[in-house]
Protein backbone atom coordinates (compact mmCIF):
# COMPACT_ATOMS: atom_id res chain seq x y z
CA MET A 1 0.00 0.00 0.00
CA SER A 2 1.34 3.42 -0.89
CA SER A 3 2.32 5.81 1.88
CA PRO A 4 0.00 8.70 2.73
CA ALA A 5 0.91 12.07 1.26
CA PRO A 6 2.87 14.15 3.76
CA ALA A 7 0.87 16.87 5.48
CA GLU A 8 1.55 20.37 4.30
CA GLU A 9 2.94 22.96 6.70
CA ASP A 10 0.74 25.81 5.44
CA ASP A 11 -2.97 25.56 4.80
CA ASP A 12 -2.68 28.46 2.32
CA LEU A 13 -0.90 26.19 -0.14
CA PRO A 14 -2.89 24.93 -3.14
CA ILE A 15 -5.24 22.13 -2.11
CA ARG A 16 -4.60 18.71 -3.58
CA ALA A 17 -6.45 15.51 -2.84
CA PRO A 18 -4.73 13.69 0.03
CA GLU A 19 -4.25 9.95 -0.04
CA HIS A 20 -6.36 7.84 2.28
CA GLY A 21 -5.85 8.79 5.91
CA ALA A 22 -3.50 11.73 5.30
CA LEU A 23 -4.21 15.08 6.94
CA MET A 24 -6.42 17.28 4.81
CA PRO A 25 -5.49 20.93 4.32
CA SER A 26 -8.46 21.98 6.46
CA GLU A 27 -7.07 19.95 9.39
CA LEU A 28 -3.69 21.67 9.46
CA PHE A 29 -4.89 24.48 11.74
CA TRP A 30 -5.32 21.93 14.51
CA ARG A 31 -1.88 20.40 14.08
CA ARG A 32 -0.24 23.82 14.17
CA HIS A 33 -2.06 24.71 17.38
CA HIS A 34 -2.17 21.43 19.28
CA LYS A 35 0.60 22.41 21.71
CA TRP A 36 -1.06 25.72 22.51
CA LEU A 37 -4.39 23.95 23.05
CA GLU A 38 -2.71 21.45 25.36
CA GLN A 39 -1.34 24.34 27.39
CA ARG A 40 -4.90 25.66 27.67
CA GLY A 41 -6.09 22.27 28.93
CA TYR A 42 -7.34 20.53 25.79
CA VAL A 43 -5.60 17.51 24.25
CA LEU A 44 -6.34 16.64 20.63
CA ARG A 45 -6.29 13.12 19.24
CA PRO A 46 -2.81 11.87 18.16
CA ARG A 47 -3.72 12.53 14.52
CA TYR A 48 -3.24 16.26 15.13
CA HIS A 49 0.06 16.11 17.01
CA ASP A 50 3.14 17.35 15.15
CA THR A 51 4.91 14.06 15.99
CA TRP A 52 2.13 11.97 14.44
CA ARG A 53 3.07 9.14 12.14
CA PRO A 54 0.30 7.06 10.53
CA SER A 55 -0.07 3.91 12.63
CA TRP A 56 -1.39 1.83 9.76
CA LYS A 57 1.96 2.03 7.96
CA ALA A 58 3.43 -0.22 10.63
CA THR A 59 0.42 -2.47 11.19
CA GLY A 60 -0.58 -2.96 7.56
CA ILE A 61 -4.28 -2.35 8.18
CA GLN A 62 -6.42 -0.02 6.08
CA SER A 63 -6.27 3.62 7.20
CA TYR A 64 -10.01 3.80 7.87
CA ARG A 65 -9.64 0.94 10.36
CA ALA A 66 -7.06 2.85 12.39
CA GLU A 67 -8.26 5.38 14.93
CA ASP A 68 -5.71 7.95 13.81
CA GLY A 69 -6.82 7.55 10.19
CA ILE A 70 -10.23 9.06 10.91
CA ALA A 71 -10.62 12.75 10.12
CA ALA A 72 -13.23 15.05 11.57
CA VAL A 73 -16.40 15.22 9.47
CA VAL A 74 -16.33 19.03 9.47
CA CYS A 75 -12.74 20.07 10.06
CA VAL A 76 -13.57 23.40 11.68
CA VAL A 77 -14.87 21.27 14.58
CA VAL A 78 -12.74 18.65 16.30
CA ASP A 79 -12.92 16.70 19.52
CA ALA A 80 -10.51 17.11 22.41
CA ARG A 81 -10.04 15.70 25.90
CA ARG A 82 -10.27 18.28 28.67
CA THR A 83 -7.41 17.60 31.05
CA SER A 84 -9.21 18.98 34.11
CA ASP A 85 -11.80 16.20 34.18
CA GLY A 86 -11.08 13.89 31.22
CA SER A 87 -14.33 14.76 29.46
CA ILE A 88 -14.59 15.02 25.67
CA VAL A 89 -15.37 18.49 24.34
CA ALA A 90 -15.83 20.04 20.92
CA LEU A 91 -13.50 22.76 19.67
CA LYS A 92 -14.77 25.00 16.88
CA GLN A 93 -12.60 27.31 14.82
CA VAL A 94 -14.44 30.58 14.11
CA LYS A 95 -13.16 33.31 11.79
CA LYS A 96 -14.48 36.60 13.10
CA HIS A 97 -14.60 38.39 9.76
CA ILE A 98 -16.92 35.68 8.42
CA HIS A 99 -18.99 34.97 11.54
CA PRO A 100 -18.67 38.07 13.75
CA TYR A 101 -21.70 37.31 15.95
CA GLU A 102 -21.29 33.59 16.66
CA ALA A 103 -19.31 33.82 19.91
CA ASP A 104 -21.41 36.67 21.29
CA ILE A 105 -24.71 34.89 20.67
CA GLY A 106 -23.37 31.64 22.12
CA LEU A 107 -22.13 33.43 25.23
CA PHE A 108 -25.43 35.30 25.56
CA PHE A 109 -27.32 32.02 25.92
CA SER A 110 -24.55 30.49 28.04
CA SER A 111 -24.72 33.20 30.69
CA GLU A 112 -27.06 33.52 33.65
CA PRO A 113 -29.96 33.78 33.99
CA LEU A 114 -30.58 32.28 30.52
CA SER A 115 -28.19 29.35 30.90
CA SER A 116 -30.21 27.77 33.73
CA ASP A 117 -33.61 28.22 32.06
CA PRO A 118 -34.94 24.73 31.18
CA ARG A 119 -36.36 26.08 27.90
CA ASN A 120 -32.87 27.03 26.74
CA HIS A 121 -31.73 24.48 24.19
CA CYS A 122 -28.73 26.39 22.84
CA VAL A 123 -25.39 24.60 23.06
CA ARG A 124 -23.38 25.92 25.98
CA ILE A 125 -20.13 27.77 25.32
CA LEU A 126 -17.70 26.58 27.99
CA GLU A 127 -14.83 28.85 27.02
CA VAL A 128 -13.70 31.15 24.23
CA LEU A 129 -10.01 30.88 23.33
CA GLU A 130 -8.27 33.68 21.44
CA VAL A 131 -5.77 32.16 19.02
CA PRO A 132 -2.40 33.75 19.85
CA ASP A 133 -1.01 33.97 16.31
CA ASP A 134 -4.20 35.07 14.52
CA SER A 135 -6.41 37.80 15.94
CA ASP A 136 -9.16 36.92 13.45
CA VAL A 137 -9.67 33.42 14.84
CA THR A 138 -11.24 32.22 18.06
CA VAL A 139 -11.83 28.68 19.27
CA LEU A 140 -15.13 27.95 20.98
CA VAL A 141 -15.14 25.16 23.57
CA MET A 142 -18.46 23.29 23.86
CA PRO A 143 -19.78 19.97 25.15
CA TYR A 144 -19.34 17.22 22.57
CA LEU A 145 -22.76 16.43 21.15
CA HIS A 146 -24.16 13.68 18.94
CA ALA A 147 -26.35 13.70 15.82
CA TYR A 148 -29.93 13.97 17.06
CA ASP A 149 -31.21 10.91 15.15
CA CYS A 150 -28.42 8.41 15.76
CA PRO A 151 -29.12 5.87 17.12
CA ARG A 152 -32.58 5.59 15.60
CA PHE A 153 -35.67 6.59 17.56
CA ASP A 154 -37.45 3.62 19.11
CA THR A 155 -40.90 4.99 19.97
CA PHE A 156 -43.23 7.85 19.09
CA GLY A 157 -42.82 9.06 22.65
CA GLU A 158 -39.12 9.60 22.00
CA VAL A 159 -39.86 11.66 18.90
CA VAL A 160 -42.58 13.66 20.64
CA SER A 161 -40.03 14.53 23.34
CA PHE A 162 -37.70 15.66 20.56
CA PHE A 163 -40.39 17.81 18.95
CA LYS A 164 -41.30 19.36 22.29
CA GLN A 165 -37.70 20.29 23.06
CA ILE A 166 -36.83 21.79 19.68
CA PHE A 167 -40.08 23.75 19.54
CA GLU A 168 -39.54 25.25 22.98
CA GLY A 169 -35.86 25.80 22.20
CA LEU A 170 -36.57 27.86 19.09
CA GLN A 171 -39.39 29.65 20.92
CA PHE A 172 -36.85 30.58 23.62
CA MET A 173 -34.42 31.97 21.05
CA HIS A 174 -37.15 34.01 19.39
CA ALA A 175 -38.40 35.28 22.77
CA HIS A 176 -34.93 36.73 23.27
CA HIS A 177 -34.95 38.28 19.79
CA VAL A 178 -32.47 35.86 18.22
CA ALA A 179 -33.09 34.28 14.82
CA HIS A 180 -31.09 31.11 14.22
CA ARG A 181 -31.36 31.29 10.41
CA ASP A 182 -29.98 27.78 9.80
CA CYS A 183 -31.92 25.44 12.11
CA TYR A 184 -31.92 22.35 9.91
CA SER A 185 -31.15 18.73 10.80
CA ARG A 186 -27.38 18.90 11.25
CA ASN A 187 -27.63 21.92 13.51
CA ILE A 188 -29.80 20.07 16.02
CA MET A 189 -27.86 17.67 18.24
CA MET A 190 -28.19 15.77 21.50
CA ASP A 191 -26.24 14.98 24.63
CA ALA A 192 -25.89 11.22 24.13
CA ASN A 193 -23.44 10.42 26.93
CA HIS A 194 -25.97 8.41 28.93
CA LEU A 195 -27.03 6.44 25.85
CA PHE A 196 -23.54 4.98 25.36
CA PRO A 197 -22.28 3.39 28.61
CA GLU A 198 -18.92 2.51 27.03
CA GLY A 199 -18.60 5.81 25.20
CA PHE A 200 -18.40 6.34 21.46
CA HIS A 201 -15.89 7.52 18.90
CA PRO A 202 -16.43 11.25 18.25
CA VAL A 203 -16.47 10.80 14.47
CA VAL A 204 -17.58 7.21 13.86
CA THR A 205 -20.16 7.53 16.59
CA LEU A 206 -21.60 4.01 16.49
CA GLN A 207 -18.14 2.59 17.18
CA LYS A 208 -16.30 2.33 20.49
CA PRO A 209 -13.82 5.14 21.24
CA ASP A 210 -10.94 3.03 19.88
CA ILE A 211 -13.11 1.80 16.93
CA SER A 212 -12.54 -1.79 18.04
CA GLY A 213 -16.22 -2.64 17.61
CA SER A 214 -19.77 -1.37 17.80
CA SER A 215 -20.61 0.83 20.76
CA LYS A 216 -23.46 -0.50 22.86
CA HIS A 217 -26.27 1.94 23.35
CA SER A 218 -29.50 2.22 25.26
CA THR A 219 -32.76 3.89 24.15
CA ARG A 220 -33.99 7.39 24.79
CA THR A 221 -36.85 5.89 26.80
CA TRP A 222 -34.48 4.27 29.30
CA HIS A 223 -32.19 7.27 29.29
CA PRO A 224 -33.97 10.49 28.21
CA VAL A 225 -31.76 12.90 26.31
CA ARG A 226 -31.65 16.65 25.87
CA TYR A 227 -31.45 18.28 22.44
CA TYR A 228 -29.57 21.43 21.48
CA PHE A 229 -29.33 23.95 18.67
CA VAL A 230 -25.76 24.49 17.50
CA ASP A 231 -23.93 26.72 15.01
CA PHE A 232 -24.84 30.39 15.41
CA GLY A 233 -22.57 31.46 12.56
CA ILE A 234 -25.31 33.24 10.61
CA SER A 235 -27.64 33.85 13.56
CA ARG A 236 -28.58 37.39 14.51
CA ARG A 237 -29.68 39.07 17.75
CA TYR A 238 -31.89 42.14 17.56
CA LYS A 239 -33.01 44.92 19.85
CA PRO A 240 -36.71 44.74 20.73
CA GLU A 241 -37.30 48.23 19.40
CA ASP A 242 -35.93 47.18 15.98
CA LEU A 243 -38.54 44.45 15.48
CA PRO A 244 -40.03 43.47 13.12
CA VAL A 245 -36.88 43.44 11.04
CA LEU A 246 -36.12 42.81 7.39
CA GLU A 247 -32.74 41.21 6.64
CA PRO A 248 -30.91 40.55 3.37
CA GLN A 249 -31.36 36.93 2.42
CA ILE A 250 -28.68 34.51 3.52
CA LEU A 251 -28.77 30.88 2.47
CA GLY A 252 -28.58 28.16 5.09
CA ALA A 253 -28.19 24.47 4.35
CA ASP A 254 -31.89 24.09 3.53
CA THR A 255 -32.21 25.69 0.10
CA THR A 256 -35.98 25.18 -0.27
CA VAL A 257 -37.14 28.35 1.51
CA PRO A 258 -40.05 29.71 -0.61
CA GLU A 259 -39.38 33.40 0.11
CA PHE A 260 -35.80 32.99 -1.11
CA GLU A 261 -36.96 31.45 -4.38
CA GLU A 262 -39.56 34.09 -5.21
CA SER A 263 -37.48 37.27 -4.87
CA ASP A 264 -34.21 38.77 -3.64
CA GLU A 265 -35.93 41.22 -1.32
CA PRO A 266 -35.00 41.37 2.40
CA VAL A 267 -37.13 39.11 4.61
CA ASP A 268 -38.12 38.68 8.23
CA PRO A 269 -35.82 35.87 9.48
CA PHE A 270 -38.19 34.66 12.22
CA PRO A 271 -40.85 33.10 9.91
CA THR A 272 -37.98 31.56 7.93
CA ASP A 273 -36.82 29.81 11.14
CA VAL A 274 -40.35 28.41 11.50
CA TYR A 275 -40.13 27.08 7.93
CA TYR A 276 -36.73 25.46 8.56
CA LEU A 277 -38.01 23.56 11.59
CA GLY A 278 -41.24 22.51 9.90
CA ASN A 279 -39.45 21.34 6.78
CA MET A 280 -36.98 19.33 8.86
CA ILE A 281 -39.89 17.47 10.47
CA ARG A 282 -41.56 17.01 7.09
CA GLU A 283 -38.44 15.57 5.45
CA ASP A 284 -36.99 13.59 8.36
CA PHE A 285 -40.21 12.14 9.80
CA ILE A 286 -43.45 12.59 7.83
CA GLN A 287 -41.99 11.64 4.44
CA THR A 288 -39.70 8.85 5.65
CA ARG A 289 -41.62 7.19 8.52
CA TYR A 290 -45.15 5.99 9.13
CA GLY A 291 -47.53 7.29 11.77
CA PHE A 292 -46.89 11.04 11.92
CA GLU A 293 -50.31 12.14 10.70
CA PHE A 294 -50.91 13.77 14.09
CA ILE A 295 -48.41 16.54 13.35
CA GLU A 296 -49.04 17.01 9.63
CA PRO A 297 -51.55 19.91 9.98
CA LEU A 298 -49.14 21.89 12.18
CA VAL A 299 -46.19 21.22 9.89
CA SER A 300 -48.24 22.17 6.82
CA ASP A 301 -48.88 25.56 8.38
CA MET A 302 -45.22 25.98 9.34
CA VAL A 303 -44.05 25.47 5.74
CA GLN A 304 -46.61 27.66 3.95
CA ASN A 305 -45.21 29.61 1.02
CA ASP A 306 -46.37 32.92 2.46
CA PRO A 307 -44.18 33.71 5.50
CA SER A 308 -46.89 35.93 7.01
CA SER A 309 -49.28 32.95 7.09
CA ARG A 310 -46.96 30.78 9.17
CA PRO A 311 -47.58 30.50 12.91
CA THR A 312 -45.15 32.13 15.31
CA MET A 313 -43.15 29.84 17.57
CA ASP A 314 -45.45 30.80 20.46
CA GLU A 315 -48.37 29.51 18.40
CA VAL A 316 -46.45 26.40 17.37
CA VAL A 317 -45.70 25.52 21.00
CA THR A 318 -49.33 26.08 22.06
CA ARG A 319 -50.71 23.96 19.24
CA PHE A 320 -48.16 21.22 19.77
CA GLU A 321 -48.96 21.00 23.47
CA ALA A 322 -52.59 20.29 22.57
CA ILE A 323 -51.44 17.63 20.09
CA ARG A 324 -49.15 16.05 22.67
CA LYS A 325 -51.94 15.79 25.24
CA SER A 326 -54.18 14.09 22.68
CA LEU A 327 -51.76 11.21 22.11
CA SER A 328 -52.47 8.01 24.02
CA SER A 329 -49.89 6.07 25.97
CA TRP A 330 -50.34 3.26 23.43
CA LYS A 331 -49.36 5.62 20.59
CA LEU A 332 -46.39 7.03 22.50
CA ARG A 333 -45.06 3.53 23.23
CA SER A 334 -45.54 2.32 19.65
CA ARG A 335 -42.58 1.52 17.44
CA ILE A 336 -41.60 3.83 14.60
CA ALA A 337 -41.45 2.06 11.24
CA GLU A 338 -39.52 3.50 8.33
CA ARG A 339 -41.17 3.58 4.92
CA ASP A 340 -38.27 1.80 3.20
CA GLU A 341 -37.82 -0.83 5.91
CA VAL A 342 -37.04 -4.33 4.63
CA GLU A 343 -39.71 -6.85 5.68
CA LEU A 344 -37.35 -9.22 7.51
CA LEU A 345 -35.67 -6.33 9.32
CA GLU A 346 -39.10 -4.96 10.24
CA LEU A 347 -40.01 -8.28 11.87
CA TYR A 348 -36.76 -8.39 13.83
CA ARG A 349 -37.13 -4.82 15.05
CA THR A 350 -40.76 -5.41 16.04
CA ILE A 351 -39.81 -8.39 18.21
CA ILE A 352 -37.02 -6.47 19.92
CA HIS A 353 -39.30 -3.48 20.39
CA TRP A 354 -42.00 -5.52 22.12
CA LYS A 355 -39.46 -7.00 24.53
CA ARG A 356 -38.41 -3.50 25.50
CA ARG A 357 -41.98 -2.26 25.58
CA ILE A 358 -43.06 -4.91 28.07
CA ALA A 359 -40.07 -4.00 30.25
CA TYR A 360 -41.00 -0.29 30.05
CA VAL A 361 -44.54 -0.97 31.24
CA ALA A 362 -43.46 -3.42 33.94
CA ARG A 363 -41.02 -0.89 35.37
CA ARG A 364 -43.41 2.04 34.89
CA VAL A 365 -41.01 3.89 32.66
CA PRO A 366 -42.82 6.97 31.28
CA ALA A 367 -44.04 6.75 27.69
CA LEU A 368 -42.87 10.33 27.12
CA PRO A 369 -39.18 10.42 28.07
CA LEU A 370 -38.34 13.96 29.14
CA PRO A 371 -34.89 14.75 30.54
């Protein structure tokens, strides 16, 4: 097997495709700063140390089977071990000239009295590090979170808990005059530490930390989880006296926003947030899984073409609470079936689900798992 391409010393050099496992140009920031981060109390994985040599060259295994061959999915965010307590945290590189408001908005929601409000579902900023050799770059330190839908949801009660939390979380942001402006699937995450008793690899999250095998996990019913909005890079905070506000359009990851397609005129970002959340539920649940008819009318209103016809987040939360109270315990404990599920796999999952369901009822575990 050929050797990996050597990592470049300067990430301003022309980008070329690295060989399997080699450092990508976007990862070089972390290698250059790993010693400084260690001095500040955060240890990166060996892959980002300046003494790193690919382990698979000596062992002969494929690079993707070696822990140090696994790159971060989004290289502006990497995992690190905090030396003070051994916990895993996320470090995010933020360029101020591109995202001038991200740190301030994160700190706003991470400060008292907002940080202790149970309706606050904004990721907590633990520390802001000023990069010593680049005044334009800061590093945000945050808890390490997990994709909201991995592992899969087991019951409708688990999803209803998810809906409740993200609705109240966006309502909380709007109540404090902050528009997220990019609240799609990948910017909603969960604290999954209690789901994985043996831990999980921060990139290949269904593997053990050393990627030696699958990581065992529980369900959200046994161990209720809390969900968080992340990434305030294009978010904005407004003064109450400036509302309602019209902002120049800025594209998030969801490119289906009707008001962006119809004109280039400035728009109110708050109804657009409502669309993003509604469309996420439509695409991730209603269109791909059975049994979500109960929320279709609300979602249909949230994704209306006319922004002025969409409900506010206060109205969404009020309507959803009525929907939630109308759902029976039987419905909340029922298994979620995917529309493209293979018949044999469906049978297996149904059997496993009923074993868990009987245990839930016997132990009086709530059908709606709230953290």
